[in-house]
Amino acid sequence: MDVTITGRNVGIPDRFEDYVSEKAEKVEHLAPRALALEIKLVRHHESRGAADGDRIELTLIGPGPIVRAEAGAADKYAAFDLAYDKLVERIRQAKDRKKVHRGQRRPTSLREAAADGFSVVDVVPATAEVIEKVATGSVPVVEEEASDDWSPVVIREKEFPAELMTAEEAVDRMELVGHDFFLFIDARTDKPSVVYRRKGWDYGVIKLDTEVAALAHATAG
């Protein structure tokens, strides 16, 4: 697996390259068919008198779907560790979903684990003291300062090539890139569709009936 590191507004020291290379060995072990791991480091410019920190974007490229993860932190090592943990978790989840498709037992969802008091998973519920601190606001929360051009509505536009796939394949793609939804063309119906995450391991599918829209447009014309 080829590992490439690029930096924007920041240099890449040898120590960081060694750190990344060591971590990449685990990724290659989890995804032996992967062809390349691309690491992009972005150093944000200083604003409001303080540095905004570093952001890491990881992209795992292989014969199958692309896996992505990104995170930001005060320095590049902390940002890389956060993004790296996300990437590894998505690779593992993809393997779990493949086991489910092959008829094996699916992983325990959060809802199921909570109903059983988290006895089947290695999770310790928060104590009443911690919950009380969160409820009363005694836990410190860092808030971003509002800029002069702040607006409550932010619209970002992206355009991707349409792909034919099944809903099951779309769910896999969605989880691998860490999104809550994924747009695709349903291979069974040829309809524009979107899969989205619900609760636990449940997903939903929304499809557009383009024939109705075309008929309405022709009638209006």
C-alpha atoms as a PDB file:
ATOM      1  CA  MET A   1       0.000   0.000   0.000  1.00  0.00           C
ATOM      2  CA  ASP A   2       1.392   3.385  -1.008  1.00  0.00           C
ATOM      3  CA  VAL A   3       1.302   6.115   1.643  1.00  0.00           C
ATOM      4  CA  THR A   4       1.450   9.754   0.527  1.00  0.00           C
ATOM      5  CA  ILE A   5       1.484  12.837   2.754  1.00  0.00           C
ATOM      6  CA  THR A   6       0.823  16.347   1.483  1.00  0.00           C
ATOM      7  CA  GLY A   7       0.675  19.598   3.411  1.00  0.00           C
ATOM      8  CA  ARG A   8      -1.042  22.899   2.803  1.00  0.00           C
ATOM      9  CA  ASN A   9       0.344  25.950   4.607  1.00  0.00           C
ATOM     10  CA  VAL A  10       2.617  23.621   6.590  1.00  0.00           C
ATOM     11  CA  GLY A  11       5.738  21.511   6.108  1.00  0.00           C
ATOM     12  CA  ILE A  12       5.877  17.782   6.765  1.00  0.00           C
ATOM     13  CA  PRO A  13       8.671  16.905   9.251  1.00  0.00           C
ATOM     14  CA  ASP A  14      10.385  13.515   9.118  1.00  0.00           C
ATOM     15  CA  ARG A  15       9.107  12.682  12.602  1.00  0.00           C
ATOM     16  CA  PHE A  16       5.508  13.048  11.455  1.00  0.00           C
ATOM     17  CA  GLU A  17       6.167  10.873   8.388  1.00  0.00           C
ATOM     18  CA  ASP A  18       7.587   8.134  10.623  1.00  0.00           C
ATOM     19  CA  TYR A  19       4.586   8.421  12.940  1.00  0.00           C
ATOM     20  CA  VAL A  20       2.145   8.098  10.043  1.00  0.00           C
ATOM     21  CA  SER A  21       4.026   5.192   8.463  1.00  0.00           C
ATOM     22  CA  GLU A  22       3.880   3.217  11.704  1.00  0.00           C
ATOM     23  CA  LYS A  23       0.117   3.761  12.006  1.00  0.00           C
ATOM     24  CA  ALA A  24      -0.418   2.907   8.330  1.00  0.00           C
ATOM     25  CA  GLU A  25       0.809  -0.628   8.963  1.00  0.00           C
ATOM     26  CA  LYS A  26      -2.316  -1.328  11.028  1.00  0.00           C
ATOM     27  CA  VAL A  27      -4.529   0.061   8.265  1.00  0.00           C
ATOM     28  CA  GLU A  28      -2.831  -2.219   5.765  1.00  0.00           C
ATOM     29  CA  HIS A  29      -3.413  -5.169   8.099  1.00  0.00           C
ATOM     30  CA  LEU A  30      -7.138  -4.366   8.367  1.00  0.00           C
ATOM     31  CA  ALA A  31      -7.481  -3.647   4.628  1.00  0.00           C
ATOM     32  CA  PRO A  32      -4.856  -5.824   2.885  1.00  0.00           C
ATOM     33  CA  ARG A  33      -6.294  -5.104  -0.566  1.00  0.00           C
ATOM     34  CA  ALA A  34      -5.952  -1.324  -0.178  1.00  0.00           C
ATOM     35  CA  LEU A  35      -3.846   0.339  -2.851  1.00  0.00           C
ATOM     36  CA  ALA A  36      -3.057   3.698  -1.279  1.00  0.00           C
ATOM     37  CA  LEU A  37      -3.540   5.810   1.829  1.00  0.00           C
ATOM     38  CA  GLU A  38      -3.542   9.556   1.185  1.00  0.00           C
ATOM     39  CA  ILE A  39      -2.936  11.914   4.118  1.00  0.00           C
ATOM     40  CA  LYS A  40      -3.634  15.610   3.677  1.00  0.00           C
ATOM     41  CA  LEU A  41      -2.510  18.027   6.403  1.00  0.00           C
ATOM     42  CA  VAL A  42      -3.950  21.537   6.446  1.00  0.00           C
ATOM     43  CA  ARG A  43      -2.643  24.291   8.720  1.00  0.00           C
ATOM     44  CA  HIS A  44      -5.303  26.933   9.239  1.00  0.00           C
ATOM     45  CA  HIS A  45      -4.290  30.575   9.298  1.00  0.00           C
ATOM     46  CA  GLU A  46      -4.339  32.434  12.577  1.00  0.00           C
ATOM     47  CA  SER A  47      -7.513  34.368  13.337  1.00  0.00           C
ATOM     48  CA  ARG A  48      -8.751  36.393  16.287  1.00  0.00           C
ATOM     49  CA  GLY A  49      -5.234  36.326  17.680  1.00  0.00           C
ATOM     50  CA  ALA A  50      -5.067  32.534  18.086  1.00  0.00           C
ATOM     51  CA  ALA A  51      -4.157  29.620  15.847  1.00  0.00           C
ATOM     52  CA  ASP A  52      -7.054  27.522  14.566  1.00  0.00           C
ATOM     53  CA  GLY A  53      -4.943  24.340  14.681  1.00  0.00           C
ATOM     54  CA  ASP A  54      -4.415  21.567  12.153  1.00  0.00           C
ATOM     55  CA  ARG A  55      -6.808  19.416  10.152  1.00  0.00           C
ATOM     56  CA  ILE A  56      -6.102  15.941   8.796  1.00  0.00           C
ATOM     57  CA  GLU A  57      -7.964  14.298   5.914  1.00  0.00           C
ATOM     58  CA  LEU A  58      -7.431  10.572   5.327  1.00  0.00           C
ATOM     59  CA  THR A  59      -8.474   8.763   2.142  1.00  0.00           C
ATOM     60  CA  LEU A  60      -8.056   5.010   1.763  1.00  0.00           C
ATOM     61  CA  ILE A  61      -8.139   3.926  -1.883  1.00  0.00           C
ATOM     62  CA  GLY A  62      -8.612   0.316  -2.941  1.00  0.00           C
ATOM     63  CA  PRO A  63     -10.343  -1.906  -5.464  1.00  0.00           C
ATOM     64  CA  GLY A  64     -13.617  -1.255  -3.632  1.00  0.00           C
ATOM     65  CA  PRO A  65     -15.294   1.907  -2.291  1.00  0.00           C
ATOM     66  CA  ILE A  66     -13.171   4.767  -0.960  1.00  0.00           C
ATOM     67  CA  VAL A  67     -12.975   5.183   2.819  1.00  0.00           C
ATOM     68  CA  ARG A  68     -12.590   8.708   4.200  1.00  0.00           C
ATOM     69  CA  ALA A  69     -12.118  10.300   7.600  1.00  0.00           C
ATOM     70  CA  GLU A  70     -11.114  13.740   8.798  1.00  0.00           C
ATOM     71  CA  ALA A  71     -10.589  15.570  12.079  1.00  0.00           C
ATOM     72  CA  GLY A  72      -9.135  18.753  13.501  1.00  0.00           C
ATOM     73  CA  ALA A  73      -7.141  19.437  16.658  1.00  0.00           C
ATOM     74  CA  ALA A  74      -4.588  21.786  18.168  1.00  0.00           C
ATOM     75  CA  ASP A  75      -1.676  19.987  16.497  1.00  0.00           C
ATOM     76  CA  LYS A  76      -1.157  17.583  13.611  1.00  0.00           C
ATOM     77  CA  TYR A  77      -0.473  14.534  15.786  1.00  0.00           C
ATOM     78  CA  ALA A  78      -3.702  14.878  17.749  1.00  0.00           C
ATOM     79  CA  ALA A  79      -5.660  15.575  14.552  1.00  0.00           C
ATOM     80  CA  PHE A  80      -4.156  12.528  12.856  1.00  0.00           C
ATOM     81  CA  ASP A  81      -4.993  10.258  15.803  1.00  0.00           C
ATOM     82  CA  LEU A  82      -8.637  11.390  15.758  1.00  0.00           C
ATOM     83  CA  ALA A  83      -8.992  10.908  12.002  1.00  0.00           C
ATOM     84  CA  TYR A  84      -7.095   7.614  12.160  1.00  0.00           C
ATOM     85  CA  ASP A  85      -9.462   6.214  14.815  1.00  0.00           C
ATOM     86  CA  LYS A  86     -12.451   7.146  12.632  1.00  0.00           C
ATOM     87  CA  LEU A  87     -10.895   5.477   9.593  1.00  0.00           C
ATOM     88  CA  VAL A  88     -10.121   2.241  11.460  1.00  0.00           C
ATOM     89  CA  GLU A  89     -13.627   2.137  12.933  1.00  0.00           C
ATOM     90  CA  ARG A  90     -15.212   2.543   9.480  1.00  0.00           C
ATOM     91  CA  ILE A  91     -13.086  -0.255   8.069  1.00  0.00           C
ATOM     92  CA  ARG A  92     -14.145  -2.525  10.921  1.00  0.00           C
ATOM     93  CA  GLN A  93     -17.809  -1.587  10.527  1.00  0.00           C
ATOM     94  CA  ALA A  94     -17.594  -2.399   6.817  1.00  0.00           C
ATOM     95  CA  LYS A  95     -16.275  -5.856   7.707  1.00  0.00           C
ATOM     96  CA  ASP A  96     -19.118  -6.344  10.202  1.00  0.00           C
ATOM     97  CA  ARG A  97     -21.715  -5.440   7.575  1.00  0.00           C
ATOM     98  CA  LYS A  98     -20.198  -7.969   5.173  1.00  0.00           C
ATOM     99  CA  LYS A  99     -20.553 -10.642   7.854  1.00  0.00           C
ATOM    100  CA  VAL A 100     -24.211  -9.687   8.272  1.00  0.00           C
ATOM    101  CA  HIS A 101     -24.751  -9.955   4.503  1.00  0.00           C
ATOM    102  CA  ARG A 102     -23.292 -13.482   4.652  1.00  0.00           C
ATOM    103  CA  GLY A 103     -25.794 -14.572   7.275  1.00  0.00           C
ATOM    104  CA  GLN A 104     -23.735 -14.116  10.413  1.00  0.00           C
ATOM    105  CA  ARG A 105     -25.038 -12.430  13.543  1.00  0.00           C
ATOM    106  CA  ARG A 106     -25.175  -8.650  13.232  1.00  0.00           C
ATOM    107  CA  PRO A 107     -23.399  -6.442  15.813  1.00  0.00           C
ATOM    108  CA  THR A 108     -25.337  -5.222  18.856  1.00  0.00           C
ATOM    109  CA  SER A 109     -26.955  -1.825  18.300  1.00  0.00           C
ATOM    110  CA  LEU A 110     -26.827   0.963  20.885  1.00  0.00           C
ATOM    111  CA  ARG A 111     -30.543   0.583  21.591  1.00  0.00           C
ATOM    112  CA  GLU A 112     -30.201  -3.157  22.247  1.00  0.00           C
ATOM    113  CA  ALA A 113     -27.137  -2.674  24.436  1.00  0.00           C
ATOM    114  CA  ALA A 114     -28.845   0.009  26.526  1.00  0.00           C
ATOM    115  CA  ALA A 115     -31.937  -2.150  27.015  1.00  0.00           C
ATOM    116  CA  ASP A 116     -29.708  -4.851  28.535  1.00  0.00           C
ATOM    117  CA  GLY A 117     -27.834  -2.452  30.764  1.00  0.00           C
ATOM    118  CA  PHE A 118     -24.766  -2.554  28.495  1.00  0.00           C
ATOM    119  CA  SER A 119     -23.968  -6.005  29.865  1.00  0.00           C
ATOM    120  CA  VAL A 120     -23.039  -7.388  26.437  1.00  0.00           C
ATOM    121  CA  VAL A 121     -20.603  -4.633  25.484  1.00  0.00           C
ATOM    122  CA  ASP A 122     -17.596  -2.988  27.072  1.00  0.00           C
ATOM    123  CA  VAL A 123     -19.396   0.259  27.900  1.00  0.00           C
ATOM    124  CA  VAL A 124     -19.795   1.824  31.345  1.00  0.00           C
ATOM    125  CA  PRO A 125     -22.854   4.125  31.658  1.00  0.00           C
ATOM    126  CA  ALA A 126     -22.236   7.623  33.029  1.00  0.00           C
ATOM    127  CA  THR A 127     -22.742   8.061  36.743  1.00  0.00           C
ATOM    128  CA  ALA A 128     -25.540  10.172  38.187  1.00  0.00           C
ATOM    129  CA  GLU A 129     -22.939  12.760  39.231  1.00  0.00           C
ATOM    130  CA  VAL A 130     -21.664  13.180  35.659  1.00  0.00           C
ATOM    131  CA  ILE A 131     -25.206  13.390  34.264  1.00  0.00           C
ATOM    132  CA  GLU A 132     -26.053  16.059  36.841  1.00  0.00           C
ATOM    133  CA  LYS A 133     -22.999  18.116  35.861  1.00  0.00           C
ATOM    134  CA  VAL A 134     -24.004  17.970  32.202  1.00  0.00           C
ATOM    135  CA  ALA A 135     -27.606  18.903  32.999  1.00  0.00           C
ATOM    136  CA  THR A 136     -26.644  21.885  35.170  1.00  0.00           C
ATOM    137  CA  GLY A 137     -24.056  23.162  32.720  1.00  0.00           C
ATOM    138  CA  SER A 138     -21.123  22.833  35.116  1.00  0.00           C
ATOM    139  CA  VAL A 139     -19.184  20.933  32.456  1.00  0.00           C
ATOM    140  CA  PRO A 140     -17.210  23.582  30.488  1.00  0.00           C
ATOM    141  CA  VAL A 141     -18.296  24.059  26.888  1.00  0.00           C
ATOM    142  CA  VAL A 142     -16.147  25.826  24.271  1.00  0.00           C
ATOM    143  CA  GLU A 143     -18.190  28.057  21.996  1.00  0.00           C
ATOM    144  CA  GLU A 144     -17.039  29.661  18.781  1.00  0.00           C
ATOM    145  CA  GLU A 145     -17.100  33.434  18.540  1.00  0.00           C
ATOM    146  CA  ALA A 146     -19.610  34.773  16.050  1.00  0.00           C
ATOM    147  CA  SER A 147     -18.072  36.798  13.234  1.00  0.00           C
ATOM    148  CA  ASP A 148     -19.605  39.920  11.709  1.00  0.00           C
ATOM    149  CA  ASP A 149     -20.688  38.013   8.598  1.00  0.00           C
ATOM    150  CA  TRP A 150     -22.260  35.171  10.568  1.00  0.00           C
ATOM    151  CA  SER A 151     -25.475  33.744   9.154  1.00  0.00           C
ATOM    152  CA  PRO A 152     -27.716  30.993  10.600  1.00  0.00           C
ATOM    153  CA  VAL A 153     -28.113  29.498   7.122  1.00  0.00           C
ATOM    154  CA  VAL A 154     -25.134  27.913   5.355  1.00  0.00           C
ATOM    155  CA  ILE A 155     -25.655  26.230   2.003  1.00  0.00           C
ATOM    156  CA  ARG A 156     -22.795  24.205   0.531  1.00  0.00           C
ATOM    157  CA  GLU A 157     -23.139  22.730  -2.919  1.00  0.00           C
ATOM    158  CA  LYS A 158     -21.371  19.613  -4.197  1.00  0.00           C
ATOM    159  CA  GLU A 159     -21.820  17.653  -7.383  1.00  0.00           C
ATOM    160  CA  PHE A 160     -20.861  14.016  -7.896  1.00  0.00           C
ATOM    161  CA  PRO A 161     -21.251  11.648 -10.848  1.00  0.00           C
ATOM    162  CA  ALA A 162     -24.391   9.502 -10.598  1.00  0.00           C
ATOM    163  CA  GLU A 163     -23.749   5.824  -9.878  1.00  0.00           C
ATOM    164  CA  LEU A 164     -25.980   2.793 -10.293  1.00  0.00           C
ATOM    165  CA  MET A 165     -26.033   0.575  -7.197  1.00  0.00           C
ATOM    166  CA  THR A 166     -28.345  -1.276  -4.833  1.00  0.00           C
ATOM    167  CA  ALA A 167     -29.562   0.195  -1.555  1.00  0.00           C
ATOM    168  CA  GLU A 168     -27.295  -2.219   0.318  1.00  0.00           C
ATOM    169  CA  GLU A 169     -24.258  -0.999  -1.625  1.00  0.00           C
ATOM    170  CA  ALA A 170     -25.291   2.618  -0.982  1.00  0.00           C
ATOM    171  CA  VAL A 171     -25.413   1.948   2.774  1.00  0.00           C
ATOM    172  CA  ASP A 172     -21.867   0.572   2.628  1.00  0.00           C
ATOM    173  CA  ARG A 173     -20.672   3.653   0.726  1.00  0.00           C
ATOM    174  CA  MET A 174     -22.398   5.968   3.214  1.00  0.00           C
ATOM    175  CA  GLU A 175     -20.775   4.324   6.224  1.00  0.00           C
ATOM    176  CA  LEU A 176     -17.330   4.254   4.625  1.00  0.00           C
ATOM    177  CA  VAL A 177     -17.276   8.023   4.109  1.00  0.00           C
ATOM    178  CA  GLY A 178     -18.891   8.737   7.492  1.00  0.00           C
ATOM    179  CA  HIS A 179     -21.997  10.532   6.236  1.00  0.00           C
ATOM    180  CA  ASP A 180     -25.590  10.342   7.472  1.00  0.00           C
ATOM    181  CA  PHE A 181     -26.988   9.941   3.944  1.00  0.00           C
ATOM    182  CA  PHE A 182     -25.881   8.908   0.457  1.00  0.00           C
ATOM    183  CA  LEU A 183     -27.333   9.758  -2.973  1.00  0.00           C
ATOM    184  CA  PHE A 184     -27.392   7.149  -5.734  1.00  0.00           C
ATOM    185  CA  ILE A 185     -29.365   5.729  -8.667  1.00  0.00           C
ATOM    186  CA  ASP A 186     -31.193   2.558  -7.659  1.00  0.00           C
ATOM    187  CA  ALA A 187     -29.980  -0.261  -9.922  1.00  0.00           C
ATOM    188  CA  ARG A 188     -33.305  -2.077  -9.502  1.00  0.00           C
ATOM    189  CA  THR A 189     -35.619   0.825 -10.408  1.00  0.00           C
ATOM    190  CA  ASP A 190     -33.353   3.426 -12.126  1.00  0.00           C
ATOM    191  CA  LYS A 191     -34.804   6.039  -9.732  1.00  0.00           C
ATOM    192  CA  PRO A 192     -32.776   8.770  -7.963  1.00  0.00           C
ATOM    193  CA  SER A 193     -32.642   7.637  -4.333  1.00  0.00           C
ATOM    194  CA  VAL A 194     -31.060   8.405  -0.986  1.00  0.00           C
ATOM    195  CA  VAL A 195     -30.268   6.106   1.919  1.00  0.00           C
ATOM    196  CA  TYR A 196     -30.061   7.608   5.398  1.00  0.00           C
ATOM    197  CA  ARG A 197     -29.166   6.484   8.889  1.00  0.00           C
ATOM    198  CA  ARG A 198     -31.935   5.995  11.443  1.00  0.00           C
ATOM    199  CA  LYS A 199     -31.459   4.461  14.916  1.00  0.00           C
ATOM    200  CA  GLY A 200     -28.990   1.737  15.774  1.00  0.00           C
ATOM    201  CA  TRP A 201     -28.294  -0.333  12.680  1.00  0.00           C
ATOM    202  CA  ASP A 202     -31.536   0.715  10.939  1.00  0.00           C
ATOM    203  CA  TYR A 203     -31.525   2.605   7.631  1.00  0.00           C
ATOM    204  CA  GLY A 204     -34.135   4.224   5.402  1.00  0.00           C
ATOM    205  CA  VAL A 205     -34.460   4.768   1.648  1.00  0.00           C
ATOM    206  CA  ILE A 206     -36.186   7.659  -0.134  1.00  0.00           C
ATOM    207  CA  LYS A 207     -36.816   7.473  -3.888  1.00  0.00           C
ATOM    208  CA  LEU A 208     -37.933  10.070  -6.417  1.00  0.00           C
ATOM    209  CA  ASP A 209     -40.647   9.259  -8.957  1.00  0.00           C
ATOM    210  CA  THR A 210     -39.255  11.092 -11.993  1.00  0.00           C
ATOM    211  CA  GLU A 211     -42.158  10.017 -14.226  1.00  0.00           C
ATOM    212  CA  VAL A 212     -44.611  12.053 -12.141  1.00  0.00           C
ATOM    213  CA  ALA A 213     -42.345  15.108 -12.323  1.00  0.00           C
ATOM    214  CA  ALA A 214     -41.961  14.753 -16.090  1.00  0.00           C
ATOM    215  CA  LEU A 215     -45.724  14.439 -16.525  1.00  0.00           C
ATOM    216  CA  ALA A 216     -46.374  17.515 -14.395  1.00  0.00           C
ATOM    217  CA  HIS A 217     -43.798  19.517 -16.385  1.00  0.00           C
ATOM    218  CA  ALA A 218     -45.343  18.450 -19.699  1.00  0.00           C
ATOM    219  CA  THR A 219     -48.830  19.366 -18.489  1.00  0.00           C
ATOM    220  CA  ALA A 220     -47.658  22.771 -17.261  1.00  0.00           C
ATOM    221  CA  GLY A 221     -45.997  23.431 -20.595  1.00  0.00           C
END
